[in-house]
Amino acid sequence: MIAKIVVAALLTCDPALAALFTPRHAQLGRYEVCTTPDAIETVIAGGGLAPAGASIDALESLEAFGGAGSYDRSRLARLYGGARVRVARGWTESAGRFESITLLSPYPDASLSRLNPGTMVIRWTLER
């Protein structure tokens, strides 16, 4: 539990990134996009943000970020320049709360002009 609190405290949520990489109007639940300077392995090992032992895949940028957001797809593809995005996905459910979590590393800044080390956390939450 302490690891979960420590990792969560290091997250910085960014509405500009949420506007780019999540649906404009979620029909159910809510989205948030946060970042941490920690490596994707550290985030997974810390627990709480992704199931422990979640696998990390290397995906093309457009596959990793999907088609739901309003981001400029060609600009994102140019930014990554063929480099792959490391992605881990998972979900948790407890006490009437369902969360789907996607971790992406490295991640773009909101202007899609540079890649940041660390990890972007896209979280979709549904309270039941």
C-alpha atoms as a PDB file:
ATOM      1  CA  MET A   1       0.000   0.000   0.000  1.00  0.00           C
ATOM      2  CA  ILE A   2       2.852   2.396   0.751  1.00  0.00           C
ATOM      3  CA  ALA A   3       4.299   1.875  -2.750  1.00  0.00           C
ATOM      4  CA  LYS A   4       0.906   2.738  -4.269  1.00  0.00           C
ATOM      5  CA  ILE A   5       0.746   5.988  -2.311  1.00  0.00           C
ATOM      6  CA  VAL A   6       4.330   6.940  -3.224  1.00  0.00           C
ATOM      7  CA  VAL A   7       3.820   6.300  -6.957  1.00  0.00           C
ATOM      8  CA  ALA A   8       0.464   8.115  -6.954  1.00  0.00           C
ATOM      9  CA  ALA A   9       2.070  11.117  -5.244  1.00  0.00           C
ATOM     10  CA  LEU A  10       4.600  11.399  -8.073  1.00  0.00           C
ATOM     11  CA  LEU A  11       1.907  11.702 -10.761  1.00  0.00           C
ATOM     12  CA  THR A  12       1.201  15.028 -12.405  1.00  0.00           C
ATOM     13  CA  CYS A  13      -2.147  15.118 -14.199  1.00  0.00           C
ATOM     14  CA  ASP A  14      -2.428  17.212 -17.360  1.00  0.00           C
ATOM     15  CA  PRO A  15      -5.792  18.257 -18.850  1.00  0.00           C
ATOM     16  CA  ALA A  16      -4.055  19.210 -22.129  1.00  0.00           C
ATOM     17  CA  LEU A  17      -2.784  15.647 -22.571  1.00  0.00           C
ATOM     18  CA  ALA A  18      -6.217  14.293 -21.634  1.00  0.00           C
ATOM     19  CA  ALA A  19      -7.813  16.481 -24.326  1.00  0.00           C
ATOM     20  CA  LEU A  20      -5.389  15.076 -26.908  1.00  0.00           C
ATOM     21  CA  PHE A  21      -5.392  11.377 -26.075  1.00  0.00           C
ATOM     22  CA  THR A  22      -8.856  10.543 -24.720  1.00  0.00           C
ATOM     23  CA  PRO A  23     -12.365  10.794 -26.164  1.00  0.00           C
ATOM     24  CA  ARG A  24     -13.820  14.288 -26.049  1.00  0.00           C
ATOM     25  CA  HIS A  25     -16.948  13.198 -24.171  1.00  0.00           C
ATOM     26  CA  ALA A  26     -16.823   9.884 -22.360  1.00  0.00           C
ATOM     27  CA  GLN A  27     -20.280   8.330 -22.385  1.00  0.00           C
ATOM     28  CA  LEU A  28     -19.500   6.438 -19.201  1.00  0.00           C
ATOM     29  CA  GLY A  29     -16.878   7.029 -16.568  1.00  0.00           C
ATOM     30  CA  ARG A  30     -14.114   9.608 -16.703  1.00  0.00           C
ATOM     31  CA  TYR A  31     -10.604   9.828 -18.105  1.00  0.00           C
ATOM     32  CA  GLU A  32      -7.483  11.367 -16.681  1.00  0.00           C
ATOM     33  CA  VAL A  33      -3.993  11.527 -18.111  1.00  0.00           C
ATOM     34  CA  CYS A  34      -1.071  11.872 -15.744  1.00  0.00           C
ATOM     35  CA  THR A  35       2.683  11.575 -16.074  1.00  0.00           C
ATOM     36  CA  THR A  36       5.559  10.506 -13.886  1.00  0.00           C
ATOM     37  CA  PRO A  37       9.325  10.726 -14.396  1.00  0.00           C
ATOM     38  CA  ASP A  38       9.539   7.052 -13.370  1.00  0.00           C
ATOM     39  CA  ALA A  39      10.322   4.319 -15.890  1.00  0.00           C
ATOM     40  CA  ILE A  40       7.438   2.100 -16.925  1.00  0.00           C
ATOM     41  CA  GLU A  41       9.005  -0.849 -15.041  1.00  0.00           C
ATOM     42  CA  THR A  42       9.125   1.216 -11.836  1.00  0.00           C
ATOM     43  CA  VAL A  43       5.469   2.205 -12.200  1.00  0.00           C
ATOM     44  CA  ILE A  44       4.443  -1.434 -12.663  1.00  0.00           C
ATOM     45  CA  ALA A  45       6.626  -2.634  -9.786  1.00  0.00           C
ATOM     46  CA  GLY A  46       5.170   0.062  -7.501  1.00  0.00           C
ATOM     47  CA  GLY A  47       1.736  -1.488  -7.809  1.00  0.00           C
ATOM     48  CA  GLY A  48      -1.564   0.299  -7.785  1.00  0.00           C
ATOM     49  CA  LEU A  49      -1.364   1.834 -11.262  1.00  0.00           C
ATOM     50  CA  ALA A  50      -1.155  -1.416 -13.198  1.00  0.00           C
ATOM     51  CA  PRO A  51      -1.452  -5.016 -12.127  1.00  0.00           C
ATOM     52  CA  ALA A  52       1.842  -6.364 -10.837  1.00  0.00           C
ATOM     53  CA  GLY A  53       3.671  -8.255 -13.545  1.00  0.00           C
ATOM     54  CA  ALA A  54       1.820  -6.540 -16.401  1.00  0.00           C
ATOM     55  CA  SER A  55       3.592  -7.244 -19.667  1.00  0.00           C
ATOM     56  CA  ILE A  56       5.238  -4.450 -21.633  1.00  0.00           C
ATOM     57  CA  ASP A  57       4.768  -4.442 -25.395  1.00  0.00           C
ATOM     58  CA  ALA A  58       6.574  -2.333 -28.008  1.00  0.00           C
ATOM     59  CA  LEU A  59       3.994  -0.814 -30.373  1.00  0.00           C
ATOM     60  CA  GLU A  60       3.939   1.668 -33.232  1.00  0.00           C
ATOM     61  CA  SER A  61       2.838   5.088 -31.956  1.00  0.00           C
ATOM     62  CA  LEU A  62      -0.568   5.117 -33.670  1.00  0.00           C
ATOM     63  CA  GLU A  63      -1.373   1.658 -32.350  1.00  0.00           C
ATOM     64  CA  ALA A  64      -0.238   2.602 -28.854  1.00  0.00           C
ATOM     65  CA  PHE A  65      -2.277   5.818 -28.630  1.00  0.00           C
ATOM     66  CA  GLY A  66      -5.314   4.564 -30.538  1.00  0.00           C
ATOM     67  CA  GLY A  67      -7.898   6.519 -32.463  1.00  0.00           C
ATOM     68  CA  ALA A  68     -10.072   7.993 -29.708  1.00  0.00           C
ATOM     69  CA  GLY A  69      -8.222  11.273 -29.161  1.00  0.00           C
ATOM     70  CA  SER A  70      -8.051  14.462 -31.196  1.00  0.00           C
ATOM     71  CA  TYR A  71      -4.240  14.442 -31.573  1.00  0.00           C
ATOM     72  CA  ASP A  72      -2.617  14.977 -34.979  1.00  0.00           C
ATOM     73  CA  ARG A  73      -1.781  11.438 -36.037  1.00  0.00           C
ATOM     74  CA  SER A  74       0.820  12.339 -38.659  1.00  0.00           C
ATOM     75  CA  ARG A  75       2.603  14.687 -36.247  1.00  0.00           C
ATOM     76  CA  LEU A  76       2.710  11.988 -33.562  1.00  0.00           C
ATOM     77  CA  ALA A  77       4.081   9.448 -36.047  1.00  0.00           C
ATOM     78  CA  ARG A  78       6.786  11.926 -37.149  1.00  0.00           C
ATOM     79  CA  LEU A  79       7.660  12.656 -33.521  1.00  0.00           C
ATOM     80  CA  TYR A  80       8.322   8.987 -32.804  1.00  0.00           C
ATOM     81  CA  GLY A  81      10.123   8.612 -36.138  1.00  0.00           C
ATOM     82  CA  GLY A  82       9.573   4.867 -36.300  1.00  0.00           C
ATOM     83  CA  ALA A  83      10.632   4.292 -32.688  1.00  0.00           C
ATOM     84  CA  ARG A  84       8.235   2.125 -30.759  1.00  0.00           C
ATOM     85  CA  VAL A  85       6.278   3.065 -27.661  1.00  0.00           C
ATOM     86  CA  ARG A  86       6.539   0.775 -24.655  1.00  0.00           C
ATOM     87  CA  VAL A  87       2.990   0.032 -23.493  1.00  0.00           C
ATOM     88  CA  ALA A  88       1.480  -1.863 -20.569  1.00  0.00           C
ATOM     89  CA  ARG A  89      -2.249  -2.255 -20.077  1.00  0.00           C
ATOM     90  CA  GLY A  90      -4.311  -3.596 -17.248  1.00  0.00           C
ATOM     91  CA  TRP A  91      -7.358  -3.098 -15.131  1.00  0.00           C
ATOM     92  CA  THR A  92      -8.414  -3.260 -11.521  1.00  0.00           C
ATOM     93  CA  GLU A  93     -11.767  -3.565  -9.807  1.00  0.00           C
ATOM     94  CA  SER A  94     -12.650  -3.133  -6.165  1.00  0.00           C
ATOM     95  CA  ALA A  95     -15.406  -1.679  -4.022  1.00  0.00           C
ATOM     96  CA  GLY A  96     -17.598  -0.742  -6.989  1.00  0.00           C
ATOM     97  CA  ARG A  97     -14.807   1.009  -8.876  1.00  0.00           C
ATOM     98  CA  PHE A  98     -13.433  -0.252 -12.200  1.00  0.00           C
ATOM     99  CA  GLU A  99     -10.237   1.243 -13.651  1.00  0.00           C
ATOM    100  CA  SER A 100      -8.629   0.583 -17.005  1.00  0.00           C
ATOM    101  CA  ILE A 101      -5.018   1.728 -17.074  1.00  0.00           C
ATOM    102  CA  THR A 102      -2.633   2.242 -19.996  1.00  0.00           C
ATOM    103  CA  LEU A 103       1.029   3.083 -19.388  1.00  0.00           C
ATOM    104  CA  LEU A 104       3.086   4.560 -22.258  1.00  0.00           C
ATOM    105  CA  SER A 105       6.796   5.355 -22.386  1.00  0.00           C
ATOM    106  CA  PRO A 106       8.330   7.558 -23.663  1.00  0.00           C
ATOM    107  CA  TYR A 107       5.440   9.975 -24.005  1.00  0.00           C
ATOM    108  CA  PRO A 108       4.913  13.180 -26.019  1.00  0.00           C
ATOM    109  CA  ASP A 109       4.444  16.639 -24.604  1.00  0.00           C
ATOM    110  CA  ALA A 110       1.105  18.387 -25.294  1.00  0.00           C
ATOM    111  CA  SER A 111       2.543  20.275 -28.289  1.00  0.00           C
ATOM    112  CA  LEU A 112       3.724  16.991 -29.874  1.00  0.00           C
ATOM    113  CA  SER A 113       7.154  18.550 -30.297  1.00  0.00           C
ATOM    114  CA  ARG A 114       9.271  16.366 -28.004  1.00  0.00           C
ATOM    115  CA  LEU A 115       9.299  12.988 -26.304  1.00  0.00           C
ATOM    116  CA  ASN A 116       9.647  12.884 -22.550  1.00  0.00           C
ATOM    117  CA  PRO A 117      11.337  10.109 -20.618  1.00  0.00           C
ATOM    118  CA  GLY A 118       9.153   8.632 -17.947  1.00  0.00           C
ATOM    119  CA  THR A 119       5.654   7.272 -18.220  1.00  0.00           C
ATOM    120  CA  MET A 120       2.235   8.581 -19.253  1.00  0.00           C
ATOM    121  CA  VAL A 121      -0.694   7.035 -17.393  1.00  0.00           C
ATOM    122  CA  ILE A 122      -4.091   7.065 -19.104  1.00  0.00           C
ATOM    123  CA  ARG A 123      -6.746   6.010 -16.625  1.00  0.00           C
ATOM    124  CA  TRP A 124     -10.445   5.424 -17.292  1.00  0.00           C
ATOM    125  CA  THR A 125     -12.546   5.094 -14.151  1.00  0.00           C
ATOM    126  CA  LEU A 126     -16.124   3.894 -13.752  1.00  0.00           C
ATOM    127  CA  GLU A 127     -17.828   4.139 -10.379  1.00  0.00           C
ATOM    128  CA  ARG A 128     -20.615   1.569 -10.020  1.00  0.00           C
END
